[in-house]
Amino acid sequence: MKGSILAMNKNKVVLASFCILASAVVFSACRDKQSTGLEYARNMYDPLAYNPDQPNNNFANGQTAQTPPKNTVPVGFVEEDIYPNTAAGYEEAGVKLVNSLQLTEKNLLQGQHLYKVFCGPCHGEAGDGQGHLVKIEKFTGVPSFIDPEKASSRGGLMKDLSAGKIYHTIKYGVNMMGSYASQLSPEERWKVVAYVQQLQKGK
């Protein structure tokens, strides 16, 4: 009888101690609103690597993000046919560059997505040159791919631009449109080209 009472008292003491300890932890964590409180195994979710914008003493210039060495190309950005960013290069690309991707539903859907993200803000999701940046008057004079009378600034109608000319423009940019060579890989550019050509047909 006496032993069972001692065991019960011991259990109560342990339970009371645990409650007091838990309360102390909760209240201490609530004192500082900036504090994250006690953290278990923090190194499991804190990255060990530097973030690109963090200072880094491992490099002479103190930056983490370094400029790639000259003449290096990111994986997936190797191009077989290179035409210069000139009027002659544009015309030559228009004749010689051909989209090697198959016109599949998957490629068109991916091209549509990339077009909406990178081109739609200016050219409009329908290709009518009425993207939201045009509507808020941030940019003007954005050409339409579907207007049967809209001429390209480099000659010819927008709806008749060849795949090579569209690709060349995506790569180098023209007028107020900047280059997308660093944002879109060659394969992604061709997917955008395929989708733009569907817009040219009114599809």
C-alpha atoms as a PDB file:
ATOM      1  CA  MET A   1       0.000   0.000   0.000  1.00  0.00           C
ATOM      2  CA  LYS A   2       2.756   2.337   1.024  1.00  0.00           C
ATOM      3  CA  GLY A   3       4.760   1.441  -2.095  1.00  0.00           C
ATOM      4  CA  SER A   4       1.866   2.155  -4.424  1.00  0.00           C
ATOM      5  CA  ILE A   5       1.315   5.559  -2.786  1.00  0.00           C
ATOM      6  CA  LEU A   6       5.000   6.405  -3.249  1.00  0.00           C
ATOM      7  CA  ALA A   7       4.819   5.332  -6.924  1.00  0.00           C
ATOM      8  CA  MET A   8       1.739   7.526  -7.435  1.00  0.00           C
ATOM      9  CA  ASN A   9       3.446  10.484  -5.773  1.00  0.00           C
ATOM     10  CA  LYS A  10       6.538   9.909  -7.885  1.00  0.00           C
ATOM     11  CA  ASN A  11       4.417   9.915 -11.060  1.00  0.00           C
ATOM     12  CA  LYS A  12       2.723  13.128  -9.979  1.00  0.00           C
ATOM     13  CA  VAL A  13       6.084  14.766  -9.333  1.00  0.00           C
ATOM     14  CA  VAL A  14       7.359  13.726 -12.775  1.00  0.00           C
ATOM     15  CA  LEU A  15       4.173  14.953 -14.461  1.00  0.00           C
ATOM     16  CA  ALA A  16       4.254  18.263 -12.568  1.00  0.00           C
ATOM     17  CA  SER A  17       7.930  18.762 -13.437  1.00  0.00           C
ATOM     18  CA  PHE A  18       7.217  18.101 -17.113  1.00  0.00           C
ATOM     19  CA  CYS A  19       4.299  20.591 -17.127  1.00  0.00           C
ATOM     20  CA  ILE A  20       6.431  23.261 -15.447  1.00  0.00           C
ATOM     21  CA  LEU A  21       9.271  22.710 -17.916  1.00  0.00           C
ATOM     22  CA  ALA A  22       6.912  22.790 -20.911  1.00  0.00           C
ATOM     23  CA  SER A  23       5.284  25.989 -19.651  1.00  0.00           C
ATOM     24  CA  ALA A  24       8.690  27.614 -19.165  1.00  0.00           C
ATOM     25  CA  VAL A  25       9.686  26.728 -22.727  1.00  0.00           C
ATOM     26  CA  VAL A  26       6.405  28.058 -24.173  1.00  0.00           C
ATOM     27  CA  PHE A  27       6.542  31.327 -22.237  1.00  0.00           C
ATOM     28  CA  SER A  28      10.225  31.900 -22.974  1.00  0.00           C
ATOM     29  CA  ALA A  29       9.550  31.379 -26.685  1.00  0.00           C
ATOM     30  CA  CYS A  30       6.696  33.907 -26.605  1.00  0.00           C
ATOM     31  CA  ARG A  31       8.702  36.708 -24.970  1.00  0.00           C
ATOM     32  CA  ASP A  32      10.580  37.728 -28.119  1.00  0.00           C
ATOM     33  CA  LYS A  33       8.302  37.903 -31.161  1.00  0.00           C
ATOM     34  CA  GLN A  34      11.355  37.891 -33.445  1.00  0.00           C
ATOM     35  CA  SER A  35      12.581  34.636 -31.949  1.00  0.00           C
ATOM     36  CA  THR A  36      11.788  31.331 -33.625  1.00  0.00           C
ATOM     37  CA  GLY A  37      11.957  29.623 -30.237  1.00  0.00           C
ATOM     38  CA  LEU A  38      13.709  26.336 -29.708  1.00  0.00           C
ATOM     39  CA  GLU A  39      14.587  24.579 -32.942  1.00  0.00           C
ATOM     40  CA  TYR A  40      15.405  20.938 -33.387  1.00  0.00           C
ATOM     41  CA  ALA A  41      18.110  19.899 -35.872  1.00  0.00           C
ATOM     42  CA  ARG A  42      18.322  23.349 -37.465  1.00  0.00           C
ATOM     43  CA  ASN A  43      21.081  22.221 -39.831  1.00  0.00           C
ATOM     44  CA  MET A  44      18.561  19.936 -41.555  1.00  0.00           C
ATOM     45  CA  TYR A  45      16.710  22.871 -43.123  1.00  0.00           C
ATOM     46  CA  ASP A  46      19.274  25.676 -43.127  1.00  0.00           C
ATOM     47  CA  PRO A  47      21.199  25.575 -46.408  1.00  0.00           C
ATOM     48  CA  LEU A  48      24.931  25.070 -46.035  1.00  0.00           C
ATOM     49  CA  ALA A  49      25.586  26.585 -49.465  1.00  0.00           C
ATOM     50  CA  TYR A  50      25.746  30.339 -50.036  1.00  0.00           C
ATOM     51  CA  ASN A  51      22.783  32.108 -51.588  1.00  0.00           C
ATOM     52  CA  PRO A  52      23.658  33.837 -54.900  1.00  0.00           C
ATOM     53  CA  ASP A  53      23.278  37.324 -53.395  1.00  0.00           C
ATOM     54  CA  GLN A  54      25.235  36.625 -50.195  1.00  0.00           C
ATOM     55  CA  PRO A  55      28.709  38.066 -49.585  1.00  0.00           C
ATOM     56  CA  ASN A  56      31.362  35.396 -50.006  1.00  0.00           C
ATOM     57  CA  ASN A  57      34.939  35.697 -48.777  1.00  0.00           C
ATOM     58  CA  ASN A  58      36.018  32.717 -50.870  1.00  0.00           C
ATOM     59  CA  PHE A  59      36.254  34.959 -53.948  1.00  0.00           C
ATOM     60  CA  ALA A  60      38.420  38.010 -54.511  1.00  0.00           C
ATOM     61  CA  ASN A  61      35.445  40.244 -55.360  1.00  0.00           C
ATOM     62  CA  GLY A  62      33.473  39.059 -52.317  1.00  0.00           C
ATOM     63  CA  GLN A  63      30.482  37.868 -54.370  1.00  0.00           C
ATOM     64  CA  THR A  64      28.881  34.427 -54.454  1.00  0.00           C
ATOM     65  CA  ALA A  65      27.419  34.722 -57.956  1.00  0.00           C
ATOM     66  CA  GLN A  66      30.359  34.834 -60.334  1.00  0.00           C
ATOM     67  CA  THR A  67      30.437  35.757 -64.014  1.00  0.00           C
ATOM     68  CA  PRO A  68      30.946  32.557 -66.035  1.00  0.00           C
ATOM     69  CA  PRO A  69      34.333  32.220 -67.751  1.00  0.00           C
ATOM     70  CA  LYS A  70      34.565  33.502 -71.318  1.00  0.00           C
ATOM     71  CA  ASN A  71      33.427  31.199 -74.131  1.00  0.00           C
ATOM     72  CA  THR A  72      31.479  28.921 -71.778  1.00  0.00           C
ATOM     73  CA  VAL A  73      27.906  27.905 -72.558  1.00  0.00           C
ATOM     74  CA  PRO A  74      25.305  26.672 -70.038  1.00  0.00           C
ATOM     75  CA  VAL A  75      24.082  23.098 -70.427  1.00  0.00           C
ATOM     76  CA  GLY A  76      21.233  23.013 -72.941  1.00  0.00           C
ATOM     77  CA  PHE A  77      22.163  26.347 -74.541  1.00  0.00           C
ATOM     78  CA  VAL A  78      24.526  25.046 -77.230  1.00  0.00           C
ATOM     79  CA  GLU A  79      23.441  26.228 -80.685  1.00  0.00           C
ATOM     80  CA  GLU A  80      24.425  24.522 -83.918  1.00  0.00           C
ATOM     81  CA  ASP A  81      23.575  27.379 -86.286  1.00  0.00           C
ATOM     82  CA  ILE A  82      24.688  30.843 -85.269  1.00  0.00           C
ATOM     83  CA  TYR A  83      23.608  33.869 -87.272  1.00  0.00           C
ATOM     84  CA  PRO A  84      24.948  37.307 -86.295  1.00  0.00           C
ATOM     85  CA  ASN A  85      22.800  40.071 -84.868  1.00  0.00           C
ATOM     86  CA  THR A  86      22.753  42.033 -88.119  1.00  0.00           C
ATOM     87  CA  ALA A  87      20.198  42.738 -90.830  1.00  0.00           C
ATOM     88  CA  ALA A  88      21.986  40.213 -93.059  1.00  0.00           C
ATOM     89  CA  GLY A  89      22.040  37.657 -90.217  1.00  0.00           C
ATOM     90  CA  TYR A  90      18.307  38.167 -89.673  1.00  0.00           C
ATOM     91  CA  GLU A  91      17.516  37.612 -93.352  1.00  0.00           C
ATOM     92  CA  GLU A  92      19.804  34.583 -93.575  1.00  0.00           C
ATOM     93  CA  ALA A  93      18.241  33.054 -90.454  1.00  0.00           C
ATOM     94  CA  GLY A  94      14.829  33.670 -91.995  1.00  0.00           C
ATOM     95  CA  VAL A  95      15.745  31.507 -94.970  1.00  0.00           C
ATOM     96  CA  LYS A  96      18.004  28.834 -93.468  1.00  0.00           C
ATOM     97  CA  LEU A  97      16.796  28.294 -89.899  1.00  0.00           C
ATOM     98  CA  VAL A  98      14.116  25.604 -89.671  1.00  0.00           C
ATOM     99  CA  ASN A  99      12.319  24.388 -86.572  1.00  0.00           C
ATOM    100  CA  SER A 100      13.549  20.856 -85.939  1.00  0.00           C
ATOM    101  CA  LEU A 101      10.969  20.184 -83.205  1.00  0.00           C
ATOM    102  CA  GLN A 102       7.937  18.112 -84.065  1.00  0.00           C
ATOM    103  CA  LEU A 103       4.621  19.952 -84.004  1.00  0.00           C
ATOM    104  CA  THR A 104       3.164  17.915 -81.155  1.00  0.00           C
ATOM    105  CA  GLU A 105       0.474  18.886 -78.671  1.00  0.00           C
ATOM    106  CA  LYS A 106       3.047  18.698 -75.855  1.00  0.00           C
ATOM    107  CA  ASN A 107       5.479  21.059 -77.599  1.00  0.00           C
ATOM    108  CA  LEU A 108       2.689  23.500 -78.431  1.00  0.00           C
ATOM    109  CA  LEU A 109       1.401  23.506 -74.849  1.00  0.00           C
ATOM    110  CA  GLN A 110       4.900  24.149 -73.528  1.00  0.00           C
ATOM    111  CA  GLY A 111       5.389  26.831 -76.178  1.00  0.00           C
ATOM    112  CA  GLN A 112       2.091  28.429 -75.162  1.00  0.00           C
ATOM    113  CA  HIS A 113       3.157  28.514 -71.517  1.00  0.00           C
ATOM    114  CA  LEU A 114       6.554  30.044 -72.333  1.00  0.00           C
ATOM    115  CA  TYR A 115       4.897  32.549 -74.683  1.00  0.00           C
ATOM    116  CA  LYS A 116       2.447  33.668 -71.985  1.00  0.00           C
ATOM    117  CA  VAL A 117       5.255  34.115 -69.459  1.00  0.00           C
ATOM    118  CA  PHE A 118       7.843  35.865 -71.640  1.00  0.00           C
ATOM    119  CA  CYS A 119       5.949  37.326 -74.616  1.00  0.00           C
ATOM    120  CA  GLY A 120       2.348  37.758 -73.468  1.00  0.00           C
ATOM    121  CA  PRO A 121       2.941  40.800 -71.237  1.00  0.00           C
ATOM    122  CA  CYS A 122       3.655  42.850 -74.384  1.00  0.00           C
ATOM    123  CA  HIS A 123       2.384  40.904 -77.390  1.00  0.00           C
ATOM    124  CA  GLY A 124      -0.801  39.762 -75.622  1.00  0.00           C
ATOM    125  CA  GLU A 125      -1.930  36.189 -75.017  1.00  0.00           C
ATOM    126  CA  ALA A 126      -3.809  36.231 -78.324  1.00  0.00           C
ATOM    127  CA  GLY A 127      -0.812  37.700 -80.178  1.00  0.00           C
ATOM    128  CA  ASP A 128      -2.715  40.936 -80.861  1.00  0.00           C
ATOM    129  CA  GLY A 129      -0.060  43.263 -79.422  1.00  0.00           C
ATOM    130  CA  GLN A 130      -2.326  44.188 -76.513  1.00  0.00           C
ATOM    131  CA  GLY A 131      -0.572  42.700 -73.503  1.00  0.00           C
ATOM    132  CA  HIS A 132      -1.154  44.148 -70.040  1.00  0.00           C
ATOM    133  CA  LEU A 133       2.045  46.250 -70.229  1.00  0.00           C
ATOM    134  CA  VAL A 134       0.644  47.861 -73.367  1.00  0.00           C
ATOM    135  CA  LYS A 135      -2.734  48.443 -71.747  1.00  0.00           C
ATOM    136  CA  ILE A 136      -1.191  50.309 -68.829  1.00  0.00           C
ATOM    137  CA  GLU A 137       0.775  52.347 -71.389  1.00  0.00           C
ATOM    138  CA  LYS A 138       4.189  51.160 -70.230  1.00  0.00           C
ATOM    139  CA  PHE A 139       5.061  50.200 -73.821  1.00  0.00           C
ATOM    140  CA  THR A 140       3.588  51.298 -77.132  1.00  0.00           C
ATOM    141  CA  GLY A 141       3.869  50.128 -80.720  1.00  0.00           C
ATOM    142  CA  VAL A 142       4.052  46.417 -79.879  1.00  0.00           C
ATOM    143  CA  PRO A 143       3.331  44.523 -83.117  1.00  0.00           C
ATOM    144  CA  SER A 144       0.490  42.054 -83.582  1.00  0.00           C
ATOM    145  CA  PHE A 145       1.068  38.606 -85.057  1.00  0.00           C
ATOM    146  CA  ILE A 146      -2.535  38.278 -86.189  1.00  0.00           C
ATOM    147  CA  ASP A 147      -3.252  41.649 -87.799  1.00  0.00           C
ATOM    148  CA  PRO A 148      -3.272  40.980 -91.578  1.00  0.00           C
ATOM    149  CA  GLU A 149      -1.912  44.460 -92.269  1.00  0.00           C
ATOM    150  CA  LYS A 150       0.638  44.881 -89.451  1.00  0.00           C
ATOM    151  CA  ALA A 151       4.134  45.276 -90.902  1.00  0.00           C
ATOM    152  CA  SER A 152       7.354  44.278 -89.193  1.00  0.00           C
ATOM    153  CA  SER A 153       9.847  47.074 -88.515  1.00  0.00           C
ATOM    154  CA  ARG A 154      12.329  45.059 -90.592  1.00  0.00           C
ATOM    155  CA  GLY A 155      10.032  44.560 -93.567  1.00  0.00           C
ATOM    156  CA  GLY A 156       7.227  42.159 -94.441  1.00  0.00           C
ATOM    157  CA  LEU A 157       4.031  41.412 -92.558  1.00  0.00           C
ATOM    158  CA  MET A 158       4.136  40.131 -88.980  1.00  0.00           C
ATOM    159  CA  LYS A 159       1.769  37.296 -89.819  1.00  0.00           C
ATOM    160  CA  ASP A 160       4.167  36.122 -92.553  1.00  0.00           C
ATOM    161  CA  LEU A 161       7.374  36.072 -90.492  1.00  0.00           C
ATOM    162  CA  SER A 162       9.243  32.799 -90.980  1.00  0.00           C
ATOM    163  CA  ALA A 163      10.292  30.525 -88.121  1.00  0.00           C
ATOM    164  CA  GLY A 164      13.918  31.570 -88.546  1.00  0.00           C
ATOM    165  CA  LYS A 165      13.108  35.278 -88.283  1.00  0.00           C
ATOM    166  CA  ILE A 166      11.021  34.761 -85.161  1.00  0.00           C
ATOM    167  CA  TYR A 167      13.794  32.661 -83.597  1.00  0.00           C
ATOM    168  CA  HIS A 168      16.440  35.268 -84.475  1.00  0.00           C
ATOM    169  CA  THR A 169      14.312  38.009 -82.883  1.00  0.00           C
ATOM    170  CA  ILE A 170      13.768  35.991 -79.686  1.00  0.00           C
ATOM    171  CA  LYS A 171      17.495  35.382 -79.440  1.00  0.00           C
ATOM    172  CA  TYR A 172      18.725  38.920 -80.094  1.00  0.00           C
ATOM    173  CA  GLY A 173      15.699  41.152 -79.554  1.00  0.00           C
ATOM    174  CA  VAL A 174      14.761  44.120 -81.717  1.00  0.00           C
ATOM    175  CA  ASN A 175      13.850  47.758 -81.019  1.00  0.00           C
ATOM    176  CA  MET A 176      12.426  47.927 -77.458  1.00  0.00           C
ATOM    177  CA  MET A 177      12.300  44.127 -77.147  1.00  0.00           C
ATOM    178  CA  GLY A 178      15.337  42.749 -75.350  1.00  0.00           C
ATOM    179  CA  SER A 179      17.110  39.463 -75.953  1.00  0.00           C
ATOM    180  CA  TYR A 180      15.715  36.299 -74.367  1.00  0.00           C
ATOM    181  CA  ALA A 181      18.846  34.256 -75.102  1.00  0.00           C
ATOM    182  CA  SER A 182      19.640  33.848 -71.405  1.00  0.00           C
ATOM    183  CA  GLN A 183      16.066  33.088 -70.306  1.00  0.00           C
ATOM    184  CA  LEU A 184      15.086  30.594 -73.000  1.00  0.00           C
ATOM    185  CA  SER A 185      17.183  27.675 -74.180  1.00  0.00           C
ATOM    186  CA  PRO A 186      17.325  27.019 -77.948  1.00  0.00           C
ATOM    187  CA  GLU A 187      14.748  24.239 -77.576  1.00  0.00           C
ATOM    188  CA  GLU A 188      12.420  26.501 -75.583  1.00  0.00           C
ATOM    189  CA  ARG A 189      12.762  29.233 -78.199  1.00  0.00           C
ATOM    190  CA  TRP A 190      11.691  26.789 -80.906  1.00  0.00           C
ATOM    191  CA  LYS A 191       8.649  25.849 -78.837  1.00  0.00           C
ATOM    192  CA  VAL A 192       7.719  29.523 -78.602  1.00  0.00           C
ATOM    193  CA  VAL A 193       8.265  29.874 -82.354  1.00  0.00           C
ATOM    194  CA  ALA A 194       5.926  26.937 -83.014  1.00  0.00           C
ATOM    195  CA  TYR A 195       3.233  28.532 -80.863  1.00  0.00           C
ATOM    196  CA  VAL A 196       3.666  31.984 -82.438  1.00  0.00           C
ATOM    197  CA  GLN A 197       3.216  30.425 -85.872  1.00  0.00           C
ATOM    198  CA  GLN A 198      -0.078  28.953 -84.675  1.00  0.00           C
ATOM    199  CA  LEU A 199      -1.125  32.464 -83.603  1.00  0.00           C
ATOM    200  CA  GLN A 200      -0.132  33.766 -87.034  1.00  0.00           C
ATOM    201  CA  LYS A 201      -2.600  31.296 -88.544  1.00  0.00           C
ATOM    202  CA  GLY A 202      -5.340  32.564 -86.259  1.00  0.00           C
ATOM    203  CA  LYS A 203      -5.410  29.416 -84.114  1.00  0.00           C
END
